[in-house]
């Protein structure tokens, strides 16, 4: 739980991640066409997007544990940093290989990389 200014500094990016990742996970799982121009036709295609939803929600549970229980904070910080760096790096790779995506995905890449770098900073300053 957030009790001090230092708790706020250590956990705010986890809370921001939760606020973004949880709704996005449900969009990927149930309404992917809202985010991307995709037309799912097979059970396998639907399955892929539900798996992405599950992956996002699984990480969100770890981050939630880190926000409310300091025993889980370090693993929450590490997983958030890896998750956000992974997404941001993939988006940067796509930028160079595939070209410029829509503004929402550019904003997403910047946000993911900022959250990852912030998480790295928190980890470094905590130890």
C-alpha atoms as a PDB file:
ATOM      1  CA  UNK A   1       0.000   0.000   0.000  1.00  0.00           C
ATOM      2  CA  UNK A   2       1.137   3.573  -0.533  1.00  0.00           C
ATOM      3  CA  UNK A   3       1.854   5.100   2.884  1.00  0.00           C
ATOM      4  CA  UNK A   4       4.723   7.501   2.258  1.00  0.00           C
ATOM      5  CA  UNK A   5       6.098   9.751  -0.432  1.00  0.00           C
ATOM      6  CA  UNK A   6       8.773   7.122  -1.101  1.00  0.00           C
ATOM      7  CA  UNK A   7       6.087   4.455  -1.568  1.00  0.00           C
ATOM      8  CA  UNK A   8       4.417   6.737  -4.098  1.00  0.00           C
ATOM      9  CA  UNK A   9       7.703   7.222  -5.972  1.00  0.00           C
ATOM     10  CA  UNK A  10       8.378   3.466  -5.950  1.00  0.00           C
ATOM     11  CA  UNK A  11       4.899   2.393  -7.035  1.00  0.00           C
ATOM     12  CA  UNK A  12       3.304   5.096  -9.186  1.00  0.00           C
ATOM     13  CA  UNK A  13       4.468   3.554 -12.457  1.00  0.00           C
ATOM     14  CA  UNK A  14       2.965   0.213 -11.393  1.00  0.00           C
ATOM     15  CA  UNK A  15      -0.359   1.946 -10.787  1.00  0.00           C
ATOM     16  CA  UNK A  16      -0.161   3.734 -14.142  1.00  0.00           C
ATOM     17  CA  UNK A  17       0.639   0.398 -15.795  1.00  0.00           C
ATOM     18  CA  UNK A  18      -2.379  -1.213 -14.133  1.00  0.00           C
ATOM     19  CA  UNK A  19      -4.677   1.620 -15.222  1.00  0.00           C
ATOM     20  CA  UNK A  20      -3.553   1.155 -18.834  1.00  0.00           C
ATOM     21  CA  UNK A  21      -2.880  -2.575 -19.121  1.00  0.00           C
ATOM     22  CA  UNK A  22      -6.078  -3.933 -17.552  1.00  0.00           C
ATOM     23  CA  UNK A  23      -8.514  -2.178 -19.920  1.00  0.00           C
ATOM     24  CA  UNK A  24      -6.249  -2.786 -22.929  1.00  0.00           C
ATOM     25  CA  UNK A  25      -6.119  -6.482 -22.073  1.00  0.00           C
ATOM     26  CA  UNK A  26      -9.908  -6.742 -22.254  1.00  0.00           C
ATOM     27  CA  UNK A  27      -9.953  -4.858 -25.541  1.00  0.00           C
ATOM     28  CA  UNK A  28      -7.376  -7.289 -26.973  1.00  0.00           C
ATOM     29  CA  UNK A  29      -9.379 -10.221 -25.634  1.00  0.00           C
ATOM     30  CA  UNK A  30     -12.868  -9.201 -26.678  1.00  0.00           C
ATOM     31  CA  UNK A  31     -12.732  -6.203 -29.060  1.00  0.00           C
ATOM     32  CA  UNK A  32      -9.334  -6.174 -30.842  1.00  0.00           C
ATOM     33  CA  UNK A  33     -10.837  -4.371 -33.829  1.00  0.00           C
ATOM     34  CA  UNK A  34     -11.146  -1.273 -31.611  1.00  0.00           C
ATOM     35  CA  UNK A  35      -7.330  -1.010 -31.428  1.00  0.00           C
ATOM     36  CA  UNK A  36      -6.249  -2.422 -34.761  1.00  0.00           C
ATOM     37  CA  UNK A  37      -7.815  -3.102 -38.112  1.00  0.00           C
ATOM     38  CA  UNK A  38      -8.126  -6.833 -37.698  1.00  0.00           C
ATOM     39  CA  UNK A  39     -10.814  -9.259 -38.761  1.00  0.00           C
ATOM     40  CA  UNK A  40     -10.672 -12.462 -36.770  1.00  0.00           C
ATOM     41  CA  UNK A  41     -12.178 -15.423 -38.575  1.00  0.00           C
ATOM     42  CA  UNK A  42     -10.998 -18.581 -36.842  1.00  0.00           C
ATOM     43  CA  UNK A  43     -11.040 -19.905 -33.306  1.00  0.00           C
ATOM     44  CA  UNK A  44      -7.230 -19.940 -33.401  1.00  0.00           C
ATOM     45  CA  UNK A  45      -7.144 -16.214 -34.175  1.00  0.00           C
ATOM     46  CA  UNK A  46      -9.531 -15.460 -31.310  1.00  0.00           C
ATOM     47  CA  UNK A  47      -7.422 -17.728 -29.105  1.00  0.00           C
ATOM     48  CA  UNK A  48      -4.265 -15.707 -29.777  1.00  0.00           C
ATOM     49  CA  UNK A  49      -5.913 -12.472 -28.663  1.00  0.00           C
ATOM     50  CA  UNK A  50      -7.418 -14.113 -25.555  1.00  0.00           C
ATOM     51  CA  UNK A  51      -3.924 -15.417 -24.707  1.00  0.00           C
ATOM     52  CA  UNK A  52      -2.548 -11.869 -25.004  1.00  0.00           C
ATOM     53  CA  UNK A  53      -5.334 -10.745 -22.669  1.00  0.00           C
ATOM     54  CA  UNK A  54      -4.375 -13.458 -20.185  1.00  0.00           C
ATOM     55  CA  UNK A  55      -0.707 -12.542 -20.365  1.00  0.00           C
ATOM     56  CA  UNK A  56      -1.464  -8.871 -19.708  1.00  0.00           C
ATOM     57  CA  UNK A  57      -3.790  -9.739 -16.803  1.00  0.00           C
ATOM     58  CA  UNK A  58      -1.244 -12.151 -15.336  1.00  0.00           C
ATOM     59  CA  UNK A  59       1.386  -9.440 -15.219  1.00  0.00           C
ATOM     60  CA  UNK A  60      -1.192  -7.021 -13.798  1.00  0.00           C
ATOM     61  CA  UNK A  61      -1.750  -9.395 -10.876  1.00  0.00           C
ATOM     62  CA  UNK A  62       1.982  -9.364 -10.084  1.00  0.00           C
ATOM     63  CA  UNK A  63       2.040  -5.546 -10.217  1.00  0.00           C
ATOM     64  CA  UNK A  64      -1.041  -5.338  -8.021  1.00  0.00           C
ATOM     65  CA  UNK A  65       0.656  -7.602  -5.479  1.00  0.00           C
ATOM     66  CA  UNK A  66       3.661  -5.263  -5.550  1.00  0.00           C
ATOM     67  CA  UNK A  67       1.497  -2.209  -4.922  1.00  0.00           C
ATOM     68  CA  UNK A  68      -0.251  -3.732  -1.903  1.00  0.00           C
ATOM     69  CA  UNK A  69       2.446  -6.008  -0.461  1.00  0.00           C
ATOM     70  CA  UNK A  70       6.050  -4.854  -0.182  1.00  0.00           C
ATOM     71  CA  UNK A  71       7.243  -8.491  -0.234  1.00  0.00           C
ATOM     72  CA  UNK A  72       6.281  -8.555  -3.912  1.00  0.00           C
ATOM     73  CA  UNK A  73       7.498  -5.074  -4.827  1.00  0.00           C
ATOM     74  CA  UNK A  74      10.877  -6.080  -6.271  1.00  0.00           C
ATOM     75  CA  UNK A  75       9.419  -8.804  -8.518  1.00  0.00           C
ATOM     76  CA  UNK A  76       6.652  -6.391  -9.540  1.00  0.00           C
ATOM     77  CA  UNK A  77       9.265  -3.792 -10.488  1.00  0.00           C
ATOM     78  CA  UNK A  78      11.343  -6.308 -12.451  1.00  0.00           C
ATOM     79  CA  UNK A  79       8.399  -7.805 -14.332  1.00  0.00           C
ATOM     80  CA  UNK A  80       6.999  -4.373 -15.136  1.00  0.00           C
ATOM     81  CA  UNK A  81      10.359  -3.214 -16.438  1.00  0.00           C
ATOM     82  CA  UNK A  82      10.802  -6.324 -18.608  1.00  0.00           C
ATOM     83  CA  UNK A  83       7.201  -6.169 -19.849  1.00  0.00           C
ATOM     84  CA  UNK A  84       7.414  -2.499 -20.801  1.00  0.00           C
ATOM     85  CA  UNK A  85      10.904  -2.770 -22.329  1.00  0.00           C
ATOM     86  CA  UNK A  86       9.723  -5.778 -24.335  1.00  0.00           C
ATOM     87  CA  UNK A  87       6.709  -3.943 -25.714  1.00  0.00           C
ATOM     88  CA  UNK A  88       8.661  -0.743 -26.359  1.00  0.00           C
ATOM     89  CA  UNK A  89      11.534  -2.569 -28.066  1.00  0.00           C
ATOM     90  CA  UNK A  90       9.113  -4.494 -30.251  1.00  0.00           C
ATOM     91  CA  UNK A  91       7.410  -1.271 -31.277  1.00  0.00           C
ATOM     92  CA  UNK A  92      10.770   0.374 -32.041  1.00  0.00           C
ATOM     93  CA  UNK A  93      11.768  -2.622 -34.137  1.00  0.00           C
ATOM     94  CA  UNK A  94       8.479  -2.358 -36.018  1.00  0.00           C
ATOM     95  CA  UNK A  95       9.049   1.371 -36.528  1.00  0.00           C
ATOM     96  CA  UNK A  96      12.360   0.687 -38.275  1.00  0.00           C
ATOM     97  CA  UNK A  97      11.212  -2.380 -40.225  1.00  0.00           C
ATOM     98  CA  UNK A  98       7.556  -1.617 -40.964  1.00  0.00           C
ATOM     99  CA  UNK A  99       7.353   2.156 -40.832  1.00  0.00           C
ATOM    100  CA  UNK A 100       5.523   4.699 -38.725  1.00  0.00           C
ATOM    101  CA  UNK A 101       2.378   3.339 -37.015  1.00  0.00           C
ATOM    102  CA  UNK A 102      -0.628   5.407 -35.984  1.00  0.00           C
ATOM    103  CA  UNK A 103      -0.135   8.087 -33.344  1.00  0.00           C
ATOM    104  CA  UNK A 104      -1.687   5.940 -30.608  1.00  0.00           C
ATOM    105  CA  UNK A 105       0.965   3.259 -31.058  1.00  0.00           C
ATOM    106  CA  UNK A 106       3.772   5.828 -31.173  1.00  0.00           C
ATOM    107  CA  UNK A 107       2.437   7.293 -27.911  1.00  0.00           C
ATOM    108  CA  UNK A 108       2.214   3.751 -26.517  1.00  0.00           C
ATOM    109  CA  UNK A 109       5.843   3.027 -27.376  1.00  0.00           C
ATOM    110  CA  UNK A 110       7.016   6.229 -25.707  1.00  0.00           C
ATOM    111  CA  UNK A 111       4.900   5.485 -22.627  1.00  0.00           C
ATOM    112  CA  UNK A 112       6.161   1.915 -22.396  1.00  0.00           C
ATOM    113  CA  UNK A 113       9.777   2.977 -22.634  1.00  0.00           C
ATOM    114  CA  UNK A 114       9.284   5.764 -20.072  1.00  0.00           C
ATOM    115  CA  UNK A 115       7.656   3.319 -17.634  1.00  0.00           C
ATOM    116  CA  UNK A 116      10.467   0.801 -18.191  1.00  0.00           C
ATOM    117  CA  UNK A 117      13.188   3.376 -17.611  1.00  0.00           C
ATOM    118  CA  UNK A 118      11.372   4.684 -14.531  1.00  0.00           C
ATOM    119  CA  UNK A 119      11.139   1.136 -13.184  1.00  0.00           C
ATOM    120  CA  UNK A 120      14.850   0.632 -13.777  1.00  0.00           C
ATOM    121  CA  UNK A 121      15.559   3.873 -11.914  1.00  0.00           C
ATOM    122  CA  UNK A 122      13.376   2.793  -8.974  1.00  0.00           C
ATOM    123  CA  UNK A 123      15.141  -0.574  -8.815  1.00  0.00           C
ATOM    124  CA  UNK A 124      18.547   1.081  -8.896  1.00  0.00           C
ATOM    125  CA  UNK A 125      17.733   3.670  -6.233  1.00  0.00           C
ATOM    126  CA  UNK A 126      16.054   1.117  -3.912  1.00  0.00           C
ATOM    127  CA  UNK A 127      19.131  -1.147  -3.704  1.00  0.00           C
END
